[in-house]
Amino acid sequence: MAGHSKWANIKYRKEAADAKKGKLFSKLAKEITVAAREGGGDPEVNPRLRQAIEKAREANMPMDNVERAIKRGTGELPGVNYEHV
């Protein structure tokens, strides 16, 4: 913590929480991208994608991020190639 300043303390707590959330969102986006690439972008016929989207919803990941990850996986958007090992 950073001394007596209320706003400095809030800043440090928020930085830590945002870093944690960002790391989780990145991991979930990668999983969604790989699932969309391997089984298609429709969660109705792709159970792995459906499960990844459910995990993202549980983590309160914005749907814009989910849709962008699906588009990246299906090739509609350029992106980095992630493959499941």
N, C-alpha and C. Protein backbone atom coordinates (compact mmCIF):
# COMPACT_ATOMS: atom_id res chain seq x y z
N MET A 1 0.83 -1.18 0.00
CA MET A 1 0.00 0.00 0.00
C MET A 1 0.88 1.25 0.00
N ALA A 2 0.27 2.33 -0.30
CA ALA A 2 1.05 3.55 -0.51
C ALA A 2 0.69 4.63 0.50
N GLY A 3 0.99 4.42 1.74
CA GLY A 3 0.83 5.48 2.71
C GLY A 3 -0.60 5.85 3.03
N HIS A 4 -0.82 7.14 3.21
CA HIS A 4 -2.08 7.64 3.74
C HIS A 4 -3.07 8.07 2.67
N SER A 5 -2.62 8.29 1.47
CA SER A 5 -3.50 8.82 0.43
C SER A 5 -4.53 7.79 0.00
N LYS A 6 -5.79 8.13 0.18
CA LYS A 6 -6.88 7.23 -0.18
C LYS A 6 -6.84 6.87 -1.67
N TRP A 7 -6.62 7.87 -2.51
CA TRP A 7 -6.68 7.64 -3.96
C TRP A 7 -5.50 6.82 -4.44
N ALA A 8 -4.36 6.99 -3.80
CA ALA A 8 -3.20 6.16 -4.17
C ALA A 8 -3.47 4.71 -3.81
N ASN A 9 -4.09 4.48 -2.66
CA ASN A 9 -4.42 3.11 -2.26
C ASN A 9 -5.42 2.49 -3.24
N ILE A 10 -6.42 3.25 -3.64
CA ILE A 10 -7.39 2.76 -4.61
C ILE A 10 -6.69 2.44 -5.93
N LYS A 11 -5.78 3.31 -6.33
CA LYS A 11 -5.04 3.11 -7.58
C LYS A 11 -4.28 1.79 -7.56
N TYR A 12 -3.57 1.50 -6.46
CA TYR A 12 -2.79 0.28 -6.39
C TYR A 12 -3.67 -0.96 -6.36
N ARG A 13 -4.78 -0.89 -5.64
CA ARG A 13 -5.71 -2.03 -5.61
C ARG A 13 -6.31 -2.26 -6.99
N LYS A 14 -6.70 -1.17 -7.65
CA LYS A 14 -7.30 -1.28 -8.98
C LYS A 14 -6.30 -1.83 -9.99
N GLU A 15 -5.06 -1.38 -9.94
CA GLU A 15 -4.03 -1.90 -10.84
C GLU A 15 -3.88 -3.40 -10.68
N ALA A 16 -3.84 -3.86 -9.44
CA ALA A 16 -3.68 -5.29 -9.19
C ALA A 16 -4.89 -6.07 -9.69
N ALA A 17 -6.09 -5.57 -9.42
CA ALA A 17 -7.31 -6.25 -9.86
C ALA A 17 -7.41 -6.25 -11.38
N ASP A 18 -7.06 -5.13 -12.02
CA ASP A 18 -7.13 -5.04 -13.48
C ASP A 18 -6.13 -5.97 -14.14
N ALA A 19 -4.94 -6.09 -13.57
CA ALA A 19 -3.93 -6.99 -14.13
C ALA A 19 -4.40 -8.44 -14.05
N LYS A 20 -5.00 -8.79 -12.92
CA LYS A 20 -5.51 -10.14 -12.73
C LYS A 20 -6.63 -10.45 -13.73
N LYS A 21 -7.55 -9.48 -13.87
CA LYS A 21 -8.68 -9.65 -14.79
C LYS A 21 -8.19 -9.72 -16.24
N GLY A 22 -7.23 -8.89 -16.59
CA GLY A 22 -6.69 -8.89 -17.95
C GLY A 22 -6.02 -10.21 -18.30
N LYS A 23 -5.31 -10.77 -17.35
CA LYS A 23 -4.65 -12.06 -17.57
C LYS A 23 -5.70 -13.15 -17.80
N LEU A 24 -6.76 -13.14 -17.00
CA LEU A 24 -7.83 -14.13 -17.15
C LEU A 24 -8.54 -13.96 -18.49
N PHE A 25 -8.85 -12.71 -18.87
CA PHE A 25 -9.54 -12.45 -20.14
C PHE A 25 -8.69 -12.90 -21.32
N SER A 26 -7.38 -12.69 -21.25
CA SER A 26 -6.48 -13.13 -22.33
C SER A 26 -6.51 -14.64 -22.47
N LYS A 27 -6.46 -15.33 -21.34
CA LYS A 27 -6.50 -16.79 -21.35
C LYS A 27 -7.81 -17.30 -21.94
N LEU A 28 -8.92 -16.70 -21.54
CA LEU A 28 -10.23 -17.11 -22.05
C LEU A 28 -10.36 -16.80 -23.54
N ALA A 29 -9.84 -15.66 -23.98
CA ALA A 29 -9.91 -15.29 -25.40
C ALA A 29 -9.11 -16.28 -26.24
N LYS A 30 -7.95 -16.70 -25.75
CA LYS A 30 -7.15 -17.69 -26.48
C LYS A 30 -7.90 -19.01 -26.60
N GLU A 31 -8.54 -19.43 -25.52
CA GLU A 31 -9.31 -20.68 -25.54
C GLU A 31 -10.47 -20.59 -26.53
N ILE A 32 -11.17 -19.46 -26.54
CA ILE A 32 -12.28 -19.27 -27.48
C ILE A 32 -11.77 -19.28 -28.91
N THR A 33 -10.65 -18.62 -29.16
CA THR A 33 -10.08 -18.56 -30.51
C THR A 33 -9.72 -19.95 -31.01
N VAL A 34 -9.06 -20.74 -30.16
CA VAL A 34 -8.67 -22.10 -30.56
C VAL A 34 -9.90 -22.96 -30.79
N ALA A 35 -10.90 -22.86 -29.92
CA ALA A 35 -12.12 -23.65 -30.08
C ALA A 35 -12.85 -23.29 -31.36
N ALA A 36 -12.90 -22.00 -31.69
CA ALA A 36 -13.58 -21.56 -32.91
C ALA A 36 -12.81 -22.03 -34.14
N ARG A 37 -11.49 -22.04 -34.06
CA ARG A 37 -10.68 -22.46 -35.20
C ARG A 37 -10.86 -23.97 -35.45
N GLU A 38 -10.92 -24.76 -34.39
CA GLU A 38 -10.98 -26.21 -34.55
C GLU A 38 -12.37 -26.72 -34.88
N GLY A 39 -13.42 -26.08 -34.34
CA GLY A 39 -14.75 -26.64 -34.53
C GLY A 39 -15.76 -25.72 -35.18
N GLY A 40 -15.34 -24.55 -35.62
CA GLY A 40 -16.26 -23.61 -36.23
C GLY A 40 -16.75 -22.58 -35.23
N GLY A 41 -17.34 -21.53 -35.73
CA GLY A 41 -17.74 -20.40 -34.90
C GLY A 41 -19.13 -20.47 -34.33
N ASP A 42 -19.85 -21.58 -34.54
CA ASP A 42 -21.22 -21.70 -34.04
C ASP A 42 -21.23 -22.51 -32.75
N PRO A 43 -21.55 -21.90 -31.60
CA PRO A 43 -21.55 -22.65 -30.34
C PRO A 43 -22.62 -23.74 -30.27
N GLU A 44 -23.62 -23.68 -31.15
CA GLU A 44 -24.66 -24.72 -31.15
C GLU A 44 -24.10 -26.07 -31.59
N VAL A 45 -23.12 -26.05 -32.50
CA VAL A 45 -22.56 -27.30 -33.01
C VAL A 45 -21.14 -27.55 -32.50
N ASN A 46 -20.58 -26.62 -31.74
CA ASN A 46 -19.22 -26.73 -31.23
C ASN A 46 -19.26 -26.71 -29.70
N PRO A 47 -19.27 -27.90 -29.06
CA PRO A 47 -19.39 -27.93 -27.60
C PRO A 47 -18.21 -27.30 -26.87
N ARG A 48 -17.03 -27.40 -27.45
CA ARG A 48 -15.85 -26.80 -26.81
C ARG A 48 -15.97 -25.27 -26.79
N LEU A 49 -16.46 -24.70 -27.89
CA LEU A 49 -16.67 -23.26 -27.95
C LEU A 49 -17.76 -22.85 -26.97
N ARG A 50 -18.82 -23.62 -26.91
CA ARG A 50 -19.92 -23.32 -25.98
C ARG A 50 -19.41 -23.29 -24.54
N GLN A 51 -18.57 -24.27 -24.17
CA GLN A 51 -18.01 -24.33 -22.82
C GLN A 51 -17.09 -23.14 -22.56
N ALA A 52 -16.29 -22.77 -23.55
CA ALA A 52 -15.38 -21.63 -23.39
C ALA A 52 -16.17 -20.33 -23.22
N ILE A 53 -17.28 -20.19 -23.95
CA ILE A 53 -18.11 -19.00 -23.81
C ILE A 53 -18.77 -18.96 -22.44
N GLU A 54 -19.20 -20.12 -21.93
CA GLU A 54 -19.78 -20.17 -20.59
C GLU A 54 -18.77 -19.74 -19.53
N LYS A 55 -17.52 -20.20 -19.68
CA LYS A 55 -16.47 -19.79 -18.74
C LYS A 55 -16.25 -18.28 -18.81
N ALA A 56 -16.28 -17.73 -20.02
CA ALA A 56 -16.10 -16.28 -20.18
C ALA A 56 -17.24 -15.51 -19.54
N ARG A 57 -18.46 -16.01 -19.66
CA ARG A 57 -19.60 -15.35 -19.04
C ARG A 57 -19.49 -15.39 -17.52
N GLU A 58 -19.03 -16.53 -16.98
CA GLU A 58 -18.86 -16.65 -15.53
C GLU A 58 -17.83 -15.65 -15.02
N ALA A 59 -16.83 -15.34 -15.85
CA ALA A 59 -15.78 -14.39 -15.46
C ALA A 59 -16.16 -12.95 -15.80
N ASN A 60 -17.40 -12.72 -16.26
CA ASN A 60 -17.88 -11.38 -16.63
C ASN A 60 -17.06 -10.76 -17.75
N MET A 61 -16.63 -11.58 -18.69
CA MET A 61 -15.90 -11.07 -19.85
C MET A 61 -16.90 -10.40 -20.80
N PRO A 62 -16.60 -9.20 -21.29
CA PRO A 62 -17.53 -8.51 -22.20
C PRO A 62 -17.79 -9.33 -23.48
N MET A 63 -19.04 -9.31 -23.94
CA MET A 63 -19.40 -10.08 -25.13
C MET A 63 -18.69 -9.57 -26.38
N ASP A 64 -18.30 -8.30 -26.41
CA ASP A 64 -17.51 -7.79 -27.54
C ASP A 64 -16.20 -8.55 -27.66
N ASN A 65 -15.57 -8.80 -26.51
CA ASN A 65 -14.30 -9.54 -26.51
C ASN A 65 -14.53 -10.98 -26.97
N VAL A 66 -15.63 -11.59 -26.54
CA VAL A 66 -15.94 -12.97 -26.92
C VAL A 66 -16.17 -13.04 -28.43
N GLU A 67 -16.98 -12.13 -28.96
CA GLU A 67 -17.27 -12.12 -30.40
C GLU A 67 -16.01 -11.87 -31.22
N ARG A 68 -15.15 -10.98 -30.73
CA ARG A 68 -13.90 -10.70 -31.44
C ARG A 68 -12.99 -11.93 -31.45
N ALA A 69 -12.95 -12.68 -30.34
CA ALA A 69 -12.14 -13.89 -30.28
C ALA A 69 -12.69 -14.96 -31.24
N ILE A 70 -14.01 -15.06 -31.34
CA ILE A 70 -14.62 -16.02 -32.27
C ILE A 70 -14.27 -15.64 -33.71
N LYS A 71 -14.38 -14.36 -34.04
CA LYS A 71 -14.06 -13.91 -35.40
C LYS A 71 -12.59 -14.15 -35.71
N ARG A 72 -11.72 -13.94 -34.72
CA ARG A 72 -10.30 -14.19 -34.93
C ARG A 72 -10.06 -15.68 -35.19
N GLY A 73 -10.81 -16.53 -34.49
CA GLY A 73 -10.64 -17.97 -34.66
C GLY A 73 -11.17 -18.48 -35.98
N THR A 74 -12.23 -17.87 -36.49
CA THR A 74 -12.80 -18.32 -37.76
C THR A 74 -12.12 -17.68 -38.96
N GLY A 75 -11.22 -16.73 -38.71
CA GLY A 75 -10.47 -16.11 -39.80
C GLY A 75 -11.06 -14.83 -40.33
N GLU A 76 -12.14 -14.34 -39.72
CA GLU A 76 -12.74 -13.09 -40.17
C GLU A 76 -11.87 -11.89 -39.79
N LEU A 77 -11.11 -12.03 -38.71
CA LEU A 77 -10.18 -10.99 -38.28
C LEU A 77 -8.77 -11.57 -38.27
N PRO A 78 -7.77 -10.79 -38.64
CA PRO A 78 -6.40 -11.30 -38.54
C PRO A 78 -5.99 -11.41 -37.08
N GLY A 79 -5.15 -12.37 -36.79
CA GLY A 79 -4.68 -12.54 -35.42
C GLY A 79 -3.56 -13.54 -35.35
N VAL A 80 -3.12 -13.82 -34.14
CA VAL A 80 -2.04 -14.76 -33.90
C VAL A 80 -2.61 -16.17 -33.93
N ASN A 81 -1.85 -17.13 -34.44
CA ASN A 81 -2.30 -18.51 -34.49
C ASN A 81 -2.01 -19.20 -33.17
N TYR A 82 -3.07 -19.61 -32.46
CA TYR A 82 -2.94 -20.40 -31.25
C TYR A 82 -3.46 -21.78 -31.56
N GLU A 83 -2.71 -22.79 -31.17
CA GLU A 83 -3.14 -24.16 -31.39
C GLU A 83 -3.15 -24.88 -30.06
N HIS A 84 -4.12 -25.75 -29.89
CA HIS A 84 -4.22 -26.54 -28.67
C HIS A 84 -3.18 -27.65 -28.70
N VAL A 85 -2.43 -27.80 -27.62
CA VAL A 85 -1.37 -28.81 -27.57
C VAL A 85 -1.84 -29.98 -26.75
